[in-house]
Protein backbone atom coordinates (compact mmCIF):
# COMPACT_ATOMS: atom_id res chain seq x y z
CA MET A 1 -30.91 13.79 88.70
CA ARG A 2 -32.71 10.81 87.21
CA ARG A 3 -30.10 10.42 84.47
CA LYS A 4 -27.35 10.20 87.05
CA TRP A 5 -28.99 7.15 88.62
CA MET A 6 -29.48 5.54 85.23
CA PHE A 7 -25.84 6.21 84.38
CA LEU A 8 -24.84 4.40 87.56
CA LEU A 9 -27.28 1.49 87.27
CA ILE A 10 -27.23 0.57 83.59
CA PRO A 11 -23.58 -0.60 83.20
CA PRO A 12 -23.76 -3.04 86.15
CA ALA A 13 -27.17 -4.25 84.92
CA ILE A 14 -25.70 -5.00 81.48
CA VAL A 15 -22.77 -6.87 83.04
CA PHE A 16 -25.13 -8.84 85.31
CA PHE A 17 -27.50 -9.71 82.45
CA THR A 18 -24.57 -10.83 80.24
CA TRP A 19 -23.17 -12.95 83.08
CA ILE A 20 -26.55 -14.60 83.73
CA CYS A 21 -27.08 -15.38 80.04
CA GLY A 22 -23.59 -16.90 79.72
CA GLU A 23 -24.14 -19.01 82.83
CA VAL A 24 -27.52 -20.24 81.60
CA VAL A 25 -26.10 -21.27 78.21
CA MET A 26 -23.11 -22.97 79.83
CA HIS A 27 -25.22 -24.91 82.35
CA LEU A 28 -27.84 -25.96 79.79
CA TRP A 29 -25.11 -27.14 77.41
CA ASN A 30 -23.24 -29.01 80.14
CA TRP A 31 -26.45 -30.57 81.46
CA LEU A 32 -27.86 -31.77 78.13
CA LEU A 33 -25.35 -32.18 75.33
CA PRO A 34 -22.61 -34.31 76.92
CA MET A 35 -25.20 -36.83 78.09
CA LEU A 36 -27.25 -36.83 74.85
CA PHE A 37 -24.52 -36.64 72.21
CA GLY A 38 -21.27 -37.27 74.05
CA TRP A 39 -19.98 -33.76 73.40
CA ARG A 40 -17.50 -32.01 75.68
CA GLN A 41 -18.53 -29.65 78.44
CA ILE A 42 -17.91 -25.95 77.83
CA THR A 43 -16.63 -23.07 79.95
CA PHE A 44 -18.44 -19.83 80.75
CA TRP A 45 -16.55 -17.97 78.01
CA GLN A 46 -17.39 -20.62 75.45
CA GLY A 47 -21.04 -20.39 76.49
CA LEU A 48 -20.95 -16.61 76.11
CA GLY A 49 -19.28 -16.99 72.70
CA LEU A 50 -21.92 -19.50 71.64
CA LEU A 51 -24.65 -17.11 72.75
CA LEU A 52 -23.05 -14.28 70.76
CA LEU A 53 -22.63 -16.50 67.70
CA CYS A 54 -26.30 -17.54 67.82
CA ARG A 55 -27.32 -13.91 68.19
CA ILE A 56 -25.28 -12.97 65.12
CA LEU A 57 -26.53 -15.89 63.02
CA PHE A 58 -30.17 -16.11 64.07
CA GLY A 59 -31.05 -12.95 65.96
CA SER A 60 -31.36 -9.34 65.06
CA TRP A 61 -29.50 -6.42 66.53
CA SER A 62 -32.32 -3.98 65.87
CA GLY A 63 -34.38 -4.91 68.91
CA GLY A 64 -37.71 -3.21 69.11
CA ASP A 65 -40.99 -4.30 67.70
CA ARG A 66 -40.80 -6.48 64.60
CA SER A 67 -44.51 -6.16 64.01
CA LYS A 68 -43.99 -2.47 63.19
CA SER A 69 -41.85 -3.33 60.18
CA ARG A 70 -44.39 -5.93 59.06
CA ARG A 71 -47.20 -3.39 59.37
CA ARG A 72 -45.14 -0.91 57.40
CA ARG A 73 -44.63 -3.46 54.59
CA VAL A 74 -48.35 -4.27 54.55
CA GLU A 75 -49.18 -0.58 54.36
CA GLN A 76 -46.70 -0.13 51.50
CA TRP A 77 -48.23 -3.12 49.70
CA GLU A 78 -51.75 -1.79 50.18
CA GLY A 79 -50.66 1.60 48.84
CA MET A 80 -49.35 0.10 45.59
CA THR A 81 -51.32 0.11 42.38
CA PRO A 82 -51.88 -3.26 40.67
CA GLU A 83 -49.16 -2.37 38.15
CA GLU A 84 -46.67 -1.59 40.95
CA ARG A 85 -47.53 -4.88 42.65
CA GLU A 86 -46.95 -6.82 39.45
CA ASN A 87 -43.62 -5.03 38.87
CA PHE A 88 -42.63 -5.89 42.45
CA ARG A 89 -43.59 -9.55 41.92
CA GLN A 90 -41.65 -9.72 38.67
CA GLY A 91 -38.58 -8.25 40.35
CA MET A 92 -38.81 -10.75 43.21
CA ARG A 93 -39.29 -13.66 40.79
CA SER A 94 -36.24 -12.61 38.79
CA ARG A 95 -34.12 -12.41 41.97
CA CYS A 96 -35.54 -15.28 44.02
CA GLY A 97 -37.64 -17.48 41.77
CA THR A 98 -41.12 -18.67 42.65
CA PHE A 99 -40.05 -21.67 44.77
CA GLY A 100 -42.43 -23.95 42.91
CA THR A 101 -45.48 -21.69 43.19
CA PRO A 102 -47.01 -20.90 39.81
CA PRO A 103 -47.68 -17.18 39.37
CA SER A 104 -51.42 -17.85 39.05
CA ASP A 105 -51.46 -19.28 42.60
CA ILE A 106 -49.81 -16.24 44.20
CA LYS A 107 -52.49 -14.24 45.97
CA ASP A 108 -52.52 -10.66 47.23
CA PRO A 109 -52.24 -10.43 51.03
CA ALA A 110 -55.04 -7.82 51.04
């Protein structure tokens, strides 16, 4: 019985939440950016598209708790032997470089 109510309530809630987010983006844009930078005002659909674009570029679709993945990486790091850590560092340096940090200055997070 409970699932039936959820089935009926969730789709309208998603539509309402999407509508509210699009309206907020549109009104914030139209309130700030034309006055500050002289840009054009946008429509609701452009605001929703801008929100979606920002979500794709800067957000994550996974949702959930990001601290879990960080904890998992820390646990993996702590479970490595010193040789495995050094191999990992060497692999990262070969792919990404050190970004100006000499290897002697890189410290273990533990």
